[in-house]
């Protein structure tokens, strides 16, 4: 394969219009070719890294807030802000509360049967 081999890519008119509108918004991606190269690389990287990444939709208000806090130096990046938020929400106490709630729900729904076994929990799963 040549270092810069040319390929032909066919896209629907709607996709081309989407690409062109994106590029017109001064995104810094240059042209269609550059955007497609970067998109392919990002897609492959996301698939390879898979297990430790998620994609979420964040309401515009919160995204603007995160961006403002990043710009003001409170967070290093959007990712840093989201990870810190998750860390702050999933405290040890909250995780214990969630586990206790699940155990209660399991008892009510019959997924766990309470028996006297002499151990400290006294619960044996079915």
Protein backbone atom coordinates (compact mmCIF):
# COMPACT_ATOMS: atom_id res chain seq x y z
CA UNK A 1 0.00 0.00 0.00
CA UNK A 2 1.23 3.48 -0.87
CA UNK A 3 1.77 5.89 2.04
CA UNK A 4 -1.22 8.01 0.94
CA UNK A 5 -3.48 5.73 -1.04
CA UNK A 6 -6.62 7.25 -2.50
CA UNK A 7 -9.98 5.54 -1.97
CA UNK A 8 -13.47 6.32 -3.20
CA UNK A 9 -16.18 6.74 -0.60
CA UNK A 10 -19.83 7.11 -1.49
CA UNK A 11 -22.09 8.94 0.93
CA UNK A 12 -25.71 9.96 0.82
CA UNK A 13 -26.45 13.60 0.10
CA UNK A 14 -27.71 14.08 3.67
CA UNK A 15 -24.39 12.86 5.10
CA UNK A 16 -22.41 15.16 2.82
CA UNK A 17 -24.58 18.09 3.85
CA UNK A 18 -24.04 17.15 7.50
CA UNK A 19 -20.26 17.00 6.98
CA UNK A 20 -20.17 20.30 5.10
CA UNK A 21 -22.29 22.08 7.73
CA UNK A 22 -20.00 20.70 10.44
CA UNK A 23 -16.90 21.93 8.61
CA UNK A 24 -18.47 25.32 7.91
CA UNK A 25 -18.92 25.82 11.65
CA UNK A 26 -15.13 26.36 11.90
CA UNK A 27 -14.42 23.12 13.77
CA UNK A 28 -10.73 23.05 12.92
CA UNK A 29 -10.99 19.83 10.93
CA UNK A 30 -9.98 21.46 7.64
CA UNK A 31 -11.71 19.53 4.88
CA UNK A 32 -13.81 16.42 4.25
CA UNK A 33 -10.77 14.15 3.90
CA UNK A 34 -9.23 15.29 7.16
CA UNK A 35 -12.54 14.93 8.99
CA UNK A 36 -13.11 11.41 7.63
CA UNK A 37 -9.54 10.35 8.57
CA UNK A 38 -9.99 11.65 12.11
CA UNK A 39 -13.43 10.09 12.42
CA UNK A 40 -12.17 6.66 11.28
CA UNK A 41 -9.24 6.82 13.71
CA UNK A 42 -11.51 7.87 16.59
CA UNK A 43 -14.03 5.13 15.77
CA UNK A 44 -11.38 2.40 15.68
CA UNK A 45 -9.81 3.67 18.91
CA UNK A 46 -13.21 3.68 20.62
CA UNK A 47 -13.88 0.09 19.54
CA UNK A 48 -10.43 -1.08 20.67
CA UNK A 49 -10.69 0.61 24.05
CA UNK A 50 -14.32 -0.44 24.40
CA UNK A 51 -14.71 -1.51 27.99
CA UNK A 52 -13.74 1.68 29.76
CA UNK A 53 -15.71 4.18 27.71
CA UNK A 54 -19.35 5.16 27.49
CA UNK A 55 -21.18 7.71 25.42
CA UNK A 56 -23.81 9.83 27.11
CA UNK A 57 -25.99 12.72 26.05
CA UNK A 58 -25.68 15.63 28.44
CA UNK A 59 -28.31 18.37 28.43
CA UNK A 60 -26.91 21.58 26.91
CA UNK A 61 -27.20 23.50 30.21
CA UNK A 62 -24.92 21.04 32.03
CA UNK A 63 -22.49 20.80 29.14
CA UNK A 64 -22.17 24.59 29.07
CA UNK A 65 -21.64 24.58 32.83
CA UNK A 66 -18.94 21.91 32.55
CA UNK A 67 -17.24 23.84 29.74
CA UNK A 68 -17.30 27.02 31.80
CA UNK A 69 -15.79 25.23 34.81
CA UNK A 70 -13.09 23.72 32.61
CA UNK A 71 -12.30 27.15 31.13
CA UNK A 72 -12.07 28.60 34.66
CA UNK A 73 -9.65 25.86 35.71
CA UNK A 74 -11.86 23.91 38.11
CA UNK A 75 -11.50 20.79 35.94
CA UNK A 76 -8.85 19.71 33.46
CA UNK A 77 -11.34 18.57 30.82
CA UNK A 78 -14.95 17.52 30.26
CA UNK A 79 -13.94 13.94 31.04
CA UNK A 80 -12.31 15.02 34.30
CA UNK A 81 -15.49 16.87 35.33
CA UNK A 82 -17.72 13.88 34.60
CA UNK A 83 -15.42 11.38 36.32
CA UNK A 84 -15.20 13.61 39.43
CA UNK A 85 -19.00 13.91 39.46
CA UNK A 86 -19.37 10.13 39.33
CA UNK A 87 -16.77 9.71 42.09
CA UNK A 88 -18.60 12.22 44.27
CA UNK A 89 -21.98 10.56 43.74
CA UNK A 90 -20.86 6.96 44.32
CA UNK A 91 -19.65 7.39 47.88
CA UNK A 92 -19.05 4.30 50.02
CA UNK A 93 -22.20 5.13 52.01
CA UNK A 94 -24.36 5.50 48.89
CA UNK A 95 -23.11 2.21 47.42
CA UNK A 96 -23.92 0.49 50.73
CA UNK A 97 -27.39 2.09 50.66
CA UNK A 98 -27.95 0.81 47.11
CA UNK A 99 -26.81 -2.70 48.08
CA UNK A 100 -29.08 -2.71 51.13
CA UNK A 101 -32.02 -1.56 49.02
CA UNK A 102 -31.39 -4.30 46.46
CA UNK A 103 -31.23 -6.89 49.22
CA UNK A 104 -34.61 -5.68 50.57
CA UNK A 105 -36.14 -5.79 47.08
CA UNK A 106 -34.76 -9.30 46.57
CA UNK A 107 -36.37 -10.43 49.85
CA UNK A 108 -39.74 -8.94 48.89
CA UNK A 109 -39.65 -10.45 45.40
CA UNK A 110 -38.53 -13.86 46.66
CA UNK A 111 -35.11 -13.82 45.05
CA UNK A 112 -33.49 -14.35 48.46
CA UNK A 113 -34.79 -16.75 51.08
CA UNK A 114 -34.14 -15.94 54.75
CA UNK A 115 -33.20 -18.97 56.86
CA UNK A 116 -31.55 -19.43 60.22
CA UNK A 117 -28.08 -20.82 59.51
CA UNK A 118 -26.24 -19.50 62.50
CA UNK A 119 -24.10 -17.20 60.39
CA UNK A 120 -24.23 -13.45 60.84
CA UNK A 121 -26.24 -12.75 57.62
CA UNK A 122 -28.71 -15.60 57.92
CA UNK A 123 -29.58 -15.33 54.21
CA UNK A 124 -29.05 -17.99 51.58
CA UNK A 125 -29.71 -17.22 47.94
CA UNK A 126 -32.15 -19.61 46.22
